N, C-alpha and C. Protein backbone atom coordinates (compact mmCIF):
# COMPACT_ATOMS: atom_id res chain seq x y z
N MET A 1 0.85 -1.17 0.00
CA MET A 1 0.00 0.00 0.00
C MET A 1 0.90 1.24 0.00
N ALA A 2 0.72 2.08 -0.96
CA ALA A 2 1.57 3.26 -1.10
C ALA A 2 1.03 4.40 -0.25
N MET A 3 1.93 5.31 0.07
CA MET A 3 1.52 6.49 0.84
C MET A 3 0.91 7.51 -0.12
N GLN A 4 -0.09 8.22 0.37
CA GLN A 4 -0.76 9.23 -0.44
C GLN A 4 -0.30 10.61 0.00
N LEU A 5 0.03 11.45 -0.95
CA LEU A 5 0.44 12.82 -0.65
C LEU A 5 -0.78 13.60 -0.17
N VAL A 6 -0.70 14.14 1.04
CA VAL A 6 -1.81 14.90 1.61
C VAL A 6 -1.61 16.38 1.37
N LYS A 7 -0.39 16.85 1.65
CA LYS A 7 -0.13 18.27 1.53
C LYS A 7 1.34 18.47 1.19
N LYS A 8 1.60 19.44 0.33
CA LYS A 8 2.97 19.78 -0.04
C LYS A 8 3.16 21.27 0.19
N THR A 9 4.14 21.59 1.03
CA THR A 9 4.48 23.00 1.29
C THR A 9 5.90 23.22 0.80
N SER A 10 6.39 24.43 0.98
CA SER A 10 7.76 24.71 0.56
C SER A 10 8.77 24.02 1.46
N ASP A 11 8.36 23.71 2.70
CA ASP A 11 9.26 23.08 3.67
C ASP A 11 9.07 21.57 3.80
N TYR A 12 7.84 21.08 3.61
CA TYR A 12 7.53 19.68 3.90
C TYR A 12 6.64 19.06 2.85
N LYS A 13 6.70 17.74 2.79
CA LYS A 13 5.72 16.93 2.09
C LYS A 13 5.10 16.04 3.16
N ILE A 14 3.79 16.04 3.24
CA ILE A 14 3.10 15.24 4.25
C ILE A 14 2.31 14.15 3.54
N PHE A 15 2.57 12.92 3.96
CA PHE A 15 1.92 11.76 3.38
C PHE A 15 1.07 11.07 4.41
N LYS A 16 0.00 10.42 3.93
CA LYS A 16 -0.81 9.58 4.82
C LYS A 16 -0.46 8.13 4.50
N ARG A 17 -0.05 7.41 5.53
CA ARG A 17 0.35 6.02 5.35
C ARG A 17 -0.88 5.13 5.28
N GLY A 18 -0.66 3.89 4.93
CA GLY A 18 -1.75 2.93 4.82
C GLY A 18 -2.45 2.65 6.13
N ASP A 19 -1.73 2.82 7.25
CA ASP A 19 -2.33 2.56 8.56
C ASP A 19 -3.00 3.80 9.16
N GLY A 20 -3.06 4.90 8.39
CA GLY A 20 -3.76 6.10 8.86
C GLY A 20 -2.87 7.12 9.53
N ARG A 21 -1.62 6.77 9.79
CA ARG A 21 -0.71 7.73 10.40
C ARG A 21 -0.05 8.57 9.32
N PHE A 22 0.66 9.60 9.74
CA PHE A 22 1.28 10.51 8.80
C PHE A 22 2.80 10.33 8.76
N ALA A 23 3.34 10.56 7.58
CA ALA A 23 4.79 10.59 7.39
C ALA A 23 5.12 11.98 6.85
N VAL A 24 6.22 12.55 7.33
CA VAL A 24 6.62 13.89 6.91
C VAL A 24 8.04 13.82 6.37
N GLN A 25 8.24 14.47 5.23
CA GLN A 25 9.58 14.59 4.65
C GLN A 25 9.92 16.06 4.52
N ASN A 26 11.20 16.38 4.72
CA ASN A 26 11.61 17.77 4.54
C ASN A 26 11.81 18.06 3.06
N ALA A 27 12.25 19.27 2.73
CA ALA A 27 12.41 19.68 1.34
C ALA A 27 13.43 18.81 0.60
N ASN A 28 14.37 18.22 1.32
CA ASN A 28 15.39 17.36 0.72
C ASN A 28 14.93 15.91 0.58
N GLY A 29 13.74 15.60 1.05
CA GLY A 29 13.22 14.24 0.96
C GLY A 29 13.59 13.36 2.14
N LYS A 30 14.23 13.93 3.17
CA LYS A 30 14.61 13.16 4.36
C LYS A 30 13.43 13.09 5.32
N PRO A 31 13.24 11.96 5.99
CA PRO A 31 12.13 11.84 6.96
C PRO A 31 12.31 12.79 8.14
N VAL A 32 11.21 13.31 8.61
CA VAL A 32 11.18 14.20 9.76
C VAL A 32 10.47 13.48 10.88
N ASN A 33 11.04 13.52 12.08
CA ASN A 33 10.45 12.83 13.23
C ASN A 33 10.50 13.73 14.45
N GLY A 34 9.84 13.30 15.50
CA GLY A 34 9.89 13.99 16.78
C GLY A 34 9.10 15.29 16.79
N GLU A 35 9.63 16.25 17.52
CA GLU A 35 8.93 17.52 17.71
C GLU A 35 8.73 18.26 16.39
N GLU A 36 9.71 18.16 15.52
CA GLU A 36 9.60 18.86 14.23
C GLU A 36 8.42 18.31 13.42
N LYS A 37 8.22 17.00 13.48
CA LYS A 37 7.09 16.37 12.78
C LYS A 37 5.77 16.83 13.38
N VAL A 38 5.71 16.87 14.71
CA VAL A 38 4.48 17.30 15.38
C VAL A 38 4.16 18.74 15.02
N LYS A 39 5.18 19.60 15.01
CA LYS A 39 4.97 21.01 14.65
C LYS A 39 4.45 21.15 13.23
N ALA A 40 4.99 20.37 12.30
CA ALA A 40 4.55 20.43 10.91
C ALA A 40 3.10 19.97 10.78
N LEU A 41 2.74 18.89 11.47
CA LEU A 41 1.36 18.38 11.40
C LEU A 41 0.38 19.32 12.08
N LEU A 42 0.81 19.96 13.17
CA LEU A 42 -0.05 20.94 13.84
C LEU A 42 -0.27 22.16 12.96
N ALA A 43 0.78 22.62 12.31
CA ALA A 43 0.68 23.80 11.45
C ALA A 43 -0.30 23.58 10.32
N GLU A 44 -0.42 22.37 9.86
CA GLU A 44 -1.34 22.06 8.76
C GLU A 44 -2.69 21.55 9.26
N ASP A 45 -2.93 21.59 10.56
CA ASP A 45 -4.18 21.15 11.19
C ASP A 45 -4.54 19.70 10.85
N LEU A 46 -3.54 18.85 10.80
CA LEU A 46 -3.79 17.44 10.53
C LEU A 46 -3.91 16.62 11.81
N ILE A 47 -3.38 17.14 12.90
CA ILE A 47 -3.51 16.47 14.19
C ILE A 47 -3.90 17.50 15.23
N LYS A 48 -4.42 17.02 16.34
CA LYS A 48 -4.73 17.86 17.49
C LYS A 48 -3.98 17.30 18.68
N VAL A 49 -3.40 18.20 19.46
CA VAL A 49 -2.67 17.77 20.64
C VAL A 49 -3.53 18.07 21.85
N THR A 50 -3.72 17.07 22.68
CA THR A 50 -4.47 17.25 23.93
C THR A 50 -3.56 16.88 25.08
N LEU A 51 -3.69 17.60 26.16
CA LEU A 51 -2.91 17.31 27.35
C LEU A 51 -3.54 16.14 28.08
N PRO A 52 -2.74 15.25 28.62
CA PRO A 52 -3.31 14.14 29.36
C PRO A 52 -4.01 14.63 30.62
N SER A 53 -5.09 13.95 30.97
CA SER A 53 -5.81 14.33 32.18
C SER A 53 -4.97 13.97 33.39
N PRO A 54 -5.02 14.79 34.42
CA PRO A 54 -4.22 14.47 35.61
C PRO A 54 -4.72 13.17 36.24
N ALA A 55 -3.86 12.21 36.33
CA ALA A 55 -4.22 10.91 36.88
C ALA A 55 -4.27 10.99 38.40
N ALA A 56 -5.24 10.32 38.96
CA ALA A 56 -5.36 10.30 40.41
C ALA A 56 -4.22 9.45 40.96
N GLU A 57 -3.39 10.05 41.76
CA GLU A 57 -2.25 9.33 42.32
C GLU A 57 -2.71 8.50 43.51
N PRO A 58 -2.36 7.24 43.51
CA PRO A 58 -2.75 6.40 44.65
C PRO A 58 -1.99 6.83 45.90
N GLU A 59 -2.74 7.19 46.93
CA GLU A 59 -2.14 7.69 48.17
C GLU A 59 -1.76 6.55 49.11
N ALA A 60 -2.40 5.40 48.96
CA ALA A 60 -2.17 4.31 49.92
C ALA A 60 -0.77 3.73 49.80
N GLU A 61 -0.27 3.58 48.62
CA GLU A 61 1.04 2.95 48.45
C GLU A 61 2.17 3.77 49.06
N PRO A 62 2.28 5.10 48.80
CA PRO A 62 3.38 5.83 49.42
C PRO A 62 3.30 5.85 50.93
N GLU A 63 2.09 5.92 51.48
CA GLU A 63 1.96 5.94 52.93
C GLU A 63 2.44 4.63 53.53
N VAL A 64 2.11 3.53 52.88
CA VAL A 64 2.53 2.22 53.36
C VAL A 64 4.05 2.14 53.29
N ALA A 65 4.61 2.59 52.21
CA ALA A 65 6.07 2.54 52.05
C ALA A 65 6.75 3.43 53.08
N GLU A 66 6.20 4.63 53.30
CA GLU A 66 6.78 5.53 54.29
C GLU A 66 6.67 4.94 55.69
N ALA A 67 5.54 4.31 55.99
CA ALA A 67 5.35 3.70 57.31
C ALA A 67 6.35 2.57 57.51
N ALA A 68 6.60 1.80 56.45
CA ALA A 68 7.55 0.70 56.56
C ALA A 68 8.96 1.24 56.80
N VAL A 69 9.32 2.30 56.14
CA VAL A 69 10.66 2.90 56.31
C VAL A 69 10.79 3.46 57.72
N GLU A 70 9.73 4.12 58.20
CA GLU A 70 9.77 4.68 59.55
C GLU A 70 9.90 3.55 60.58
N ALA A 71 9.16 2.47 60.38
CA ALA A 71 9.22 1.34 61.32
C ALA A 71 10.61 0.73 61.33
N GLU A 72 11.22 0.60 60.16
CA GLU A 72 12.56 0.04 60.08
C GLU A 72 13.57 0.94 60.77
N SER A 73 13.41 2.27 60.59
CA SER A 73 14.37 3.18 61.21
C SER A 73 14.18 3.19 62.74
N GLU A 74 12.94 3.06 63.21
CA GLU A 74 12.70 2.99 64.65
C GLU A 74 13.31 1.71 65.23
N GLU A 75 13.15 0.59 64.51
CA GLU A 75 13.71 -0.67 64.97
C GLU A 75 15.24 -0.59 65.01
N ALA A 76 15.81 0.05 64.03
CA ALA A 76 17.27 0.19 63.99
C ALA A 76 17.74 1.07 65.14
N ALA A 77 16.98 2.12 65.44
CA ALA A 77 17.35 3.01 66.54
C ALA A 77 17.25 2.27 67.87
N GLU A 78 16.20 1.45 68.03
CA GLU A 78 16.03 0.68 69.26
C GLU A 78 17.16 -0.33 69.42
N ALA A 79 17.51 -1.01 68.33
CA ALA A 79 18.58 -2.01 68.38
C ALA A 79 19.91 -1.34 68.73
N GLU A 80 20.14 -0.15 68.19
CA GLU A 80 21.37 0.58 68.47
C GLU A 80 21.40 1.01 69.93
N ALA A 81 20.25 1.45 70.45
CA ALA A 81 20.18 1.87 71.85
C ALA A 81 20.43 0.68 72.77
N GLU A 82 19.87 -0.48 72.44
CA GLU A 82 20.08 -1.68 73.25
C GLU A 82 21.55 -2.10 73.21
N ALA A 83 22.17 -1.99 72.06
CA ALA A 83 23.57 -2.35 71.92
C ALA A 83 24.46 -1.42 72.75
N SER A 84 24.12 -0.14 72.76
CA SER A 84 24.94 0.80 73.53
C SER A 84 24.71 0.58 75.05
N GLU A 85 23.48 0.15 75.45
CA GLU A 85 23.21 -0.14 76.83
C GLU A 85 24.00 -1.38 77.28
N ASP A 86 24.06 -2.38 76.38
CA ASP A 86 24.81 -3.60 76.68
C ASP A 86 26.28 -3.29 76.86
N VAL A 87 26.82 -2.44 76.02
CA VAL A 87 28.23 -2.07 76.10
C VAL A 87 28.47 -1.28 77.38
N ALA A 88 27.54 -0.41 77.75
CA ALA A 88 27.69 0.38 78.96
C ALA A 88 27.58 -0.49 80.21
N ALA A 89 26.76 -1.54 80.15
CA ALA A 89 26.57 -2.43 81.30
C ALA A 89 27.82 -3.28 81.55
N GLU A 90 28.59 -3.55 80.51
CA GLU A 90 29.79 -4.39 80.67
C GLU A 90 30.87 -3.56 81.24
């Protein structure tokens, strides 16, 4: 399936691929990718950019992890205190 020329400007040639996506070539015929491709497609109103919706961050997991770290640090402090008491008792 060949690509169909959608739009030709002085800077770019924009093709529609068989799978419905777009391919962009610069004036020299080299493929354009990344931000430059997005800018070219936006300038020609072939795509729309939408910002992702803010995802609800799960609060339970970080709290559990923080609680586990706090518990471990408390246990380590208690073990250190017991060790220093044992050394002082000797």
